[in-house]
Amino acid sequence: MYVVIVCYGCGRFLLAKGTQKTKRCPYCATRLKLVSAKKVAQVKTAQEASNYIRAMKRRRDY
Protein backbone atom coordinates (compact mmCIF):
# COMPACT_ATOMS: atom_id res chain seq x y z
CA MET A 1 0.00 0.00 0.00
CA TYR A 2 1.15 3.54 -0.80
CA VAL A 3 0.13 6.97 0.46
CA VAL A 4 0.23 10.37 -1.16
CA ILE A 5 1.20 13.04 1.35
CA VAL A 6 1.72 16.78 1.31
CA CYS A 7 5.10 18.11 2.44
CA TYR A 8 4.63 20.48 5.36
CA GLY A 9 7.79 22.34 4.31
CA CYS A 10 6.99 23.23 0.70
CA GLY A 11 3.47 21.92 0.04
CA ARG A 12 4.42 19.52 -2.76
CA PHE A 13 2.87 16.07 -3.18
CA LEU A 14 5.02 13.06 -2.30
CA LEU A 15 4.68 9.30 -2.64
CA ALA A 16 5.53 7.03 0.29
CA LYS A 17 5.12 3.38 1.15
CA GLY A 18 2.48 2.81 3.78
CA THR A 19 5.01 1.12 6.07
CA GLN A 20 7.47 4.04 6.12
CA LYS A 21 7.78 6.15 9.26
CA THR A 22 9.70 9.08 7.76
CA LYS A 23 10.32 10.52 4.32
CA ARG A 24 12.69 13.25 3.13
CA CYS A 25 11.18 15.69 0.66
CA PRO A 26 13.30 15.74 -2.52
CA TYR A 27 12.26 19.35 -3.21
CA CYS A 28 13.03 21.11 0.10
CA ALA A 29 14.90 18.40 2.11
CA THR A 30 12.41 18.52 5.00
CA ARG A 31 12.22 15.27 6.96
CA LEU A 32 8.56 14.35 7.29
CA LYS A 33 7.04 12.14 9.96
CA LEU A 34 4.34 10.28 8.09
CA VAL A 35 2.08 10.01 11.14
CA SER A 36 1.78 13.80 11.26
CA ALA A 37 1.87 14.50 7.49
CA LYS A 38 -1.35 15.33 5.66
CA LYS A 39 -2.42 12.21 3.76
CA VAL A 40 -4.47 13.00 0.65
CA ALA A 41 -4.79 9.49 -0.82
CA GLN A 42 -4.15 5.85 -0.05
CA VAL A 43 -3.71 3.50 -3.03
CA LYS A 44 -2.57 -0.06 -3.72
CA THR A 45 0.24 0.49 -6.23
CA ALA A 46 3.00 3.02 -6.83
CA GLN A 47 1.65 3.57 -10.36
CA GLU A 48 -1.78 4.57 -8.99
CA ALA A 49 -0.10 6.98 -6.57
CA SER A 50 1.99 8.48 -9.36
CA ASN A 51 -1.09 8.97 -11.53
CA TYR A 52 -2.90 10.61 -8.60
CA ILE A 53 -0.02 13.03 -8.04
CA ARG A 54 0.05 13.93 -11.76
CA ALA A 55 -3.69 14.64 -11.71
CA MET A 56 -3.38 16.81 -8.60
CA LYS A 57 -0.48 18.76 -10.10
CA ARG A 58 -2.59 19.49 -13.18
CA ARG A 59 -5.34 20.81 -10.94
CA ARG A 60 -2.98 23.03 -8.98
CA ASP A 61 -1.00 24.15 -12.08
CA TYR A 62 2.49 23.26 -10.87
PDB file of N, CA and C in Angstrom:
ATOM      1  N   MET A   1       0.827  -1.163   0.000  1.00  0.00           N
ATOM      2  CA  MET A   1       0.000   0.000   0.000  1.00  0.00           C
ATOM      3  C   MET A   1       0.887   1.247   0.000  1.00  0.00           C
ATOM      4  N   TYR A   2       0.420   2.290  -0.678  1.00  0.00           N
ATOM      5  CA  TYR A   2       1.150   3.544  -0.802  1.00  0.00           C
ATOM      6  C   TYR A   2       0.257   4.698  -0.378  1.00  0.00           C
ATOM      7  N   VAL A   3       0.882   5.778   0.096  1.00  0.00           N
ATOM      8  CA  VAL A   3       0.134   6.967   0.463  1.00  0.00           C
ATOM      9  C   VAL A   3       0.704   8.167  -0.282  1.00  0.00           C
ATOM     10  N   VAL A   4      -0.176   9.092  -0.593  1.00  0.00           N
ATOM     11  CA  VAL A   4       0.225  10.370  -1.161  1.00  0.00           C
ATOM     12  C   VAL A   4       0.092  11.379  -0.034  1.00  0.00           C
ATOM     13  N   ILE A   5       1.188  12.067   0.257  1.00  0.00           N
ATOM     14  CA  ILE A   5       1.199  13.036   1.349  1.00  0.00           C
ATOM     15  C   ILE A   5       1.572  14.412   0.818  1.00  0.00           C
ATOM     16  N   VAL A   6       1.335  15.420   1.640  1.00  0.00           N
ATOM     17  CA  VAL A   6       1.724  16.783   1.307  1.00  0.00           C
ATOM     18  C   VAL A   6       2.868  17.173   2.226  1.00  0.00           C
ATOM     19  N   CYS A   7       3.954  17.665   1.650  1.00  0.00           N
ATOM     20  CA  CYS A   7       5.099  18.109   2.437  1.00  0.00           C
ATOM     21  C   CYS A   7       4.686  19.334   3.247  1.00  0.00           C
ATOM     22  N   TYR A   8       4.968  19.319   4.558  1.00  0.00           N
ATOM     23  CA  TYR A   8       4.630  20.479   5.359  1.00  0.00           C
ATOM     24  C   TYR A   8       5.718  21.543   5.325  1.00  0.00           C
ATOM     25  N   GLY A   9       6.761  21.325   4.518  1.00  0.00           N
ATOM     26  CA  GLY A   9       7.786  22.342   4.310  1.00  0.00           C
ATOM     27  C   GLY A   9       7.507  23.192   3.077  1.00  0.00           C
ATOM     28  N   CYS A  10       7.163  22.513   1.957  1.00  0.00           N
ATOM     29  CA  CYS A  10       6.987  23.234   0.695  1.00  0.00           C
ATOM     30  C   CYS A  10       5.611  23.052   0.062  1.00  0.00           C
ATOM     31  N   GLY A  11       4.813  22.109   0.558  1.00  0.00           N
ATOM     32  CA  GLY A  11       3.466  21.923   0.038  1.00  0.00           C
ATOM     33  C   GLY A  11       3.357  21.021  -1.181  1.00  0.00           C
ATOM     34  N   ARG A  12       4.451  20.403  -1.593  1.00  0.00           N
ATOM     35  CA  ARG A  12       4.418  19.517  -2.763  1.00  0.00           C
ATOM     36  C   ARG A  12       3.892  18.143  -2.384  1.00  0.00           C
ATOM     37  N   PHE A  13       3.367  17.426  -3.387  1.00  0.00           N
ATOM     38  CA  PHE A  13       2.867  16.071  -3.181  1.00  0.00           C
ATOM     39  C   PHE A  13       4.017  15.080  -3.242  1.00  0.00           C
ATOM     40  N   LEU A  14       3.981  14.076  -2.356  1.00  0.00           N
ATOM     41  CA  LEU A  14       5.016  13.056  -2.298  1.00  0.00           C
ATOM     42  C   LEU A  14       4.381  11.678  -2.206  1.00  0.00           C
ATOM     43  N   LEU A  15       5.095  10.694  -2.683  1.00  0.00           N
ATOM     44  CA  LEU A  15       4.675   9.298  -2.643  1.00  0.00           C
ATOM     45  C   LEU A  15       5.493   8.590  -1.573  1.00  0.00           C
ATOM     46  N   ALA A  16       4.825   7.793  -0.740  1.00  0.00           N
ATOM     47  CA  ALA A  16       5.530   7.035   0.291  1.00  0.00           C
ATOM     48  C   ALA A  16       4.876   5.671   0.460  1.00  0.00           C
ATOM     49  N   LYS A  17       5.674   4.696   0.824  1.00  0.00           N
ATOM     50  CA  LYS A  17       5.120   3.383   1.148  1.00  0.00           C
ATOM     51  C   LYS A  17       4.362   3.503   2.469  1.00  0.00           C
ATOM     52  N   GLY A  18       3.300   2.752   2.583  1.00  0.00           N
ATOM     53  CA  GLY A  18       2.481   2.808   3.777  1.00  0.00           C
ATOM     54  C   GLY A  18       3.194   2.378   5.043  1.00  0.00           C
ATOM     55  N   THR A  19       4.279   1.619   4.909  1.00  0.00           N
ATOM     56  CA  THR A  19       5.015   1.125   6.067  1.00  0.00           C
ATOM     57  C   THR A  19       6.121   2.068   6.532  1.00  0.00           C
ATOM     58  N   GLN A  20       6.417   3.095   5.762  1.00  0.00           N
ATOM     59  CA  GLN A  20       7.473   4.037   6.121  1.00  0.00           C
ATOM     60  C   GLN A  20       7.057   4.881   7.322  1.00  0.00           C
ATOM     61  N   LYS A  21       8.045   5.274   8.125  1.00  0.00           N
ATOM     62  CA  LYS A  21       7.781   6.154   9.259  1.00  0.00           C
ATOM     63  C   LYS A  21       8.188   7.584   8.954  1.00  0.00           C
ATOM     64  N   THR A  22       9.246   7.742   8.133  1.00  0.00           N
ATOM     65  CA  THR A  22       9.701   9.081   7.756  1.00  0.00           C
ATOM     66  C   THR A  22       9.984   9.112   6.264  1.00  0.00           C
ATOM     67  N   LYS A  23      10.027  10.309   5.742  1.00  0.00           N
ATOM     68  CA  LYS A  23      10.325  10.516   4.317  1.00  0.00           C
ATOM     69  C   LYS A  23      10.994  11.874   4.189  1.00  0.00           C
ATOM     70  N   ARG A  24      12.037  11.963   3.383  1.00  0.00           N
ATOM     71  CA  ARG A  24      12.687  13.249   3.134  1.00  0.00           C
ATOM     72  C   ARG A  24      12.150  13.806   1.823  1.00  0.00           C
ATOM     73  N   CYS A  25      11.708  15.046   1.861  1.00  0.00           N
ATOM     74  CA  CYS A  25      11.184  15.692   0.658  1.00  0.00           C
ATOM     75  C   CYS A  25      12.337  15.961  -0.307  1.00  0.00           C
ATOM     76  N   PRO A  26      12.218  15.510  -1.563  1.00  0.00           N
ATOM     77  CA  PRO A  26      13.301  15.742  -2.521  1.00  0.00           C
ATOM     78  C   PRO A  26      13.350  17.191  -3.020  1.00  0.00           C
ATOM     79  N   TYR A  27      12.330  17.973  -2.731  1.00  0.00           N
ATOM     80  CA  TYR A  27      12.264  19.354  -3.206  1.00  0.00           C
ATOM     81  C   TYR A  27      12.853  20.343  -2.206  1.00  0.00           C
ATOM     82  N   CYS A  28      12.564  20.148  -0.895  1.00  0.00           N
ATOM     83  CA  CYS A  28      13.032  21.115   0.101  1.00  0.00           C
ATOM     84  C   CYS A  28      13.872  20.475   1.211  1.00  0.00           C
ATOM     85  N   ALA A  29      14.074  19.163   1.161  1.00  0.00           N
ATOM     86  CA  ALA A  29      14.902  18.402   2.111  1.00  0.00           C
ATOM     87  C   ALA A  29      14.324  18.341   3.525  1.00  0.00           C
ATOM     88  N   THR A  30      13.051  18.653   3.696  1.00  0.00           N
ATOM     89  CA  THR A  30      12.408  18.523   4.998  1.00  0.00           C
ATOM     90  C   THR A  30      12.197  17.051   5.309  1.00  0.00           C
ATOM     91  N   ARG A  31      12.506  16.646   6.547  1.00  0.00           N
ATOM     92  CA  ARG A  31      12.222  15.271   6.963  1.00  0.00           C
ATOM     93  C   ARG A  31      10.812  15.256   7.528  1.00  0.00           C
ATOM     94  N   LEU A  32       9.968  14.423   6.914  1.00  0.00           N
ATOM     95  CA  LEU A  32       8.565  14.348   7.289  1.00  0.00           C
ATOM     96  C   LEU A  32       8.302  13.116   8.131  1.00  0.00           C
ATOM     97  N   LYS A  33       7.539  13.282   9.194  1.00  0.00           N
ATOM     98  CA  LYS A  33       7.043  12.142   9.962  1.00  0.00           C
ATOM     99  C   LYS A  33       5.685  11.810   9.364  1.00  0.00           C
ATOM    100  N   LEU A  34       5.553  10.620   8.825  1.00  0.00           N
ATOM    101  CA  LEU A  34       4.339  10.281   8.092  1.00  0.00           C
ATOM    102  C   LEU A  34       3.101  10.237   8.979  1.00  0.00           C
ATOM    103  N   VAL A  35       3.260  10.015  10.264  1.00  0.00           N
ATOM    104  CA  VAL A  35       2.083  10.006  11.140  1.00  0.00           C
ATOM    105  C   VAL A  35       1.482  11.400  11.282  1.00  0.00           C
ATOM    106  N   SER A  36       2.298  12.445  11.122  1.00  0.00           N
ATOM    107  CA  SER A  36       1.783  13.805  11.257  1.00  0.00           C
ATOM    108  C   SER A  36       1.610  14.522   9.916  1.00  0.00           C
ATOM    109  N   ALA A  37       2.019  13.890   8.813  1.00  0.00           N
ATOM    110  CA  ALA A  37       1.867  14.500   7.494  1.00  0.00           C
ATOM    111  C   ALA A  37       0.425  14.386   7.018  1.00  0.00           C
ATOM    112  N   LYS A  38       0.015  15.352   6.215  1.00  0.00           N
ATOM    113  CA  LYS A  38      -1.348  15.331   5.656  1.00  0.00           C
ATOM    114  C   LYS A  38      -1.413  14.281   4.557  1.00  0.00           C
ATOM    115  N   LYS A  39      -2.238  13.270   4.750  1.00  0.00           N
ATOM    116  CA  LYS A  39      -2.418  12.214   3.759  1.00  0.00           C
ATOM    117  C   LYS A  39      -3.608  12.569   2.882  1.00  0.00           C
ATOM    118  N   VAL A  40      -3.387  12.628   1.567  1.00  0.00           N
ATOM    119  CA  VAL A  40      -4.467  12.996   0.654  1.00  0.00           C
ATOM    120  C   VAL A  40      -5.026  11.802  -0.109  1.00  0.00           C
ATOM    121  N   ALA A  41      -4.293  10.688  -0.141  1.00  0.00           N
ATOM    122  CA  ALA A  41      -4.791   9.489  -0.825  1.00  0.00           C
ATOM    123  C   ALA A  41      -4.052   8.260  -0.316  1.00  0.00           C
ATOM    124  N   GLN A  42      -4.732   7.140  -0.395  1.00  0.00           N
ATOM    125  CA  GLN A  42      -4.148   5.848  -0.051  1.00  0.00           C
ATOM    126  C   GLN A  42      -4.515   4.900  -1.186  1.00  0.00           C
ATOM    127  N   VAL A  43      -3.496   4.342  -1.858  1.00  0.00           N
ATOM    128  CA  VAL A  43      -3.713   3.500  -3.034  1.00  0.00           C
ATOM    129  C   VAL A  43      -2.922   2.205  -2.906  1.00  0.00           C
ATOM    130  N   LYS A  44      -3.214   1.260  -3.793  1.00  0.00           N
ATOM    131  CA  LYS A  44      -2.574  -0.059  -3.720  1.00  0.00           C
ATOM    132  C   LYS A  44      -1.202  -0.107  -4.372  1.00  0.00           C
ATOM    133  N   THR A  45      -1.022   0.602  -5.500  1.00  0.00           N
ATOM    134  CA  THR A  45       0.240   0.488  -6.234  1.00  0.00           C
ATOM    135  C   THR A  45       0.927   1.850  -6.371  1.00  0.00           C
ATOM    136  N   ALA A  46       2.226   1.801  -6.620  1.00  0.00           N
ATOM    137  CA  ALA A  46       2.998   3.024  -6.832  1.00  0.00           C
ATOM    138  C   ALA A  46       2.530   3.737  -8.102  1.00  0.00           C
ATOM    139  N   GLN A  47       2.130   2.973  -9.108  1.00  0.00           N
ATOM    140  CA  GLN A  47       1.649   3.573 -10.356  1.00  0.00           C
ATOM    141  C   GLN A  47       0.372   4.377 -10.118  1.00  0.00           C
ATOM    142  N   GLU A  48      -0.547   3.840  -9.325  1.00  0.00           N
ATOM    143  CA  GLU A  48      -1.775   4.568  -8.994  1.00  0.00           C
ATOM    144  C   GLU A  48      -1.447   5.861  -8.250  1.00  0.00           C
ATOM    145  N   ALA A  49      -0.501   5.795  -7.332  1.00  0.00           N
ATOM    146  CA  ALA A  49      -0.098   6.975  -6.575  1.00  0.00           C
ATOM    147  C   ALA A  49       0.526   8.015  -7.495  1.00  0.00           C
ATOM    148  N   SER A  50       1.367   7.571  -8.408  1.00  0.00           N
ATOM    149  CA  SER A  50       1.995   8.476  -9.358  1.00  0.00           C
ATOM    150  C   SER A  50       0.953   9.158 -10.250  1.00  0.00           C
ATOM    151  N   ASN A  51      -0.017   8.392 -10.705  1.00  0.00           N
ATOM    152  CA  ASN A  51      -1.092   8.972 -11.527  1.00  0.00           C
ATOM    153  C   ASN A  51      -1.908   9.976 -10.728  1.00  0.00           C
ATOM    154  N   TYR A  52      -2.157   9.695  -9.462  1.00  0.00           N
ATOM    155  CA  TYR A  52      -2.903  10.611  -8.603  1.00  0.00           C
ATOM    156  C   TYR A  52      -2.146  11.923  -8.442  1.00  0.00           C
ATOM    157  N   ILE A  53      -0.843  11.826  -8.206  1.00  0.00           N
ATOM    158  CA  ILE A  53      -0.021  13.033  -8.042  1.00  0.00           C
ATOM    159  C   ILE A  53      -0.030  13.856  -9.322  1.00  0.00           C
ATOM    160  N   ARG A  54       0.090  13.208 -10.477  1.00  0.00           N
ATOM    161  CA  ARG A  54       0.046  13.930 -11.756  1.00  0.00           C
ATOM    162  C   ARG A  54      -1.275  14.684 -11.921  1.00  0.00           C
ATOM    163  N   ALA A  55      -2.371  14.011 -11.588  1.00  0.00           N
ATOM    164  CA  ALA A  55      -3.690  14.638 -11.710  1.00  0.00           C
ATOM    165  C   ALA A  55      -3.813  15.835 -10.768  1.00  0.00           C
ATOM    166  N   MET A  56      -3.310  15.698  -9.554  1.00  0.00           N
ATOM    167  CA  MET A  56      -3.384  16.806  -8.597  1.00  0.00           C
ATOM    168  C   MET A  56      -2.495  17.970  -9.027  1.00  0.00           C
ATOM    169  N   LYS A  57      -1.351  17.684  -9.605  1.00  0.00           N
ATOM    170  CA  LYS A  57      -0.482  18.756 -10.097  1.00  0.00           C
ATOM    171  C   LYS A  57      -1.152  19.524 -11.225  1.00  0.00           C
ATOM    172  N   ARG A  58      -1.864  18.818 -12.099  1.00  0.00           N
ATOM    173  CA  ARG A  58      -2.587  19.487 -13.182  1.00  0.00           C
ATOM    174  C   ARG A  58      -3.652  20.418 -12.619  1.00  0.00           C
ATOM    175  N   ARG A  59      -4.312  19.981 -11.572  1.00  0.00           N
ATOM    176  CA  ARG A  59      -5.343  20.812 -10.944  1.00  0.00           C
ATOM    177  C   ARG A  59      -4.772  22.063 -10.310  1.00  0.00           C
ATOM    178  N   ARG A  60      -3.589  21.909  -9.688  1.00  0.00           N
ATOM    179  CA  ARG A  60      -2.978  23.029  -8.981  1.00  0.00           C
ATOM    180  C   ARG A  60      -2.041  23.846  -9.868  1.00  0.00           C
ATOM    181  N   ASP A  61      -1.851  23.439 -11.109  1.00  0.00           N
ATOM    182  CA  ASP A  61      -0.999  24.152 -12.082  1.00  0.00           C
ATOM    183  C   ASP A  61       0.429  24.329 -11.612  1.00  0.00           C
ATOM    184  N   TYR A  62       1.077  23.211 -11.235  1.00  0.00           N
ATOM    185  CA  TYR A  62       2.494  23.258 -10.870  1.00  0.00           C
ATOM    186  C   TYR A  62       3.325  23.382 -12.105  1.00  0.00           C
TER     187      TYR A  62
END
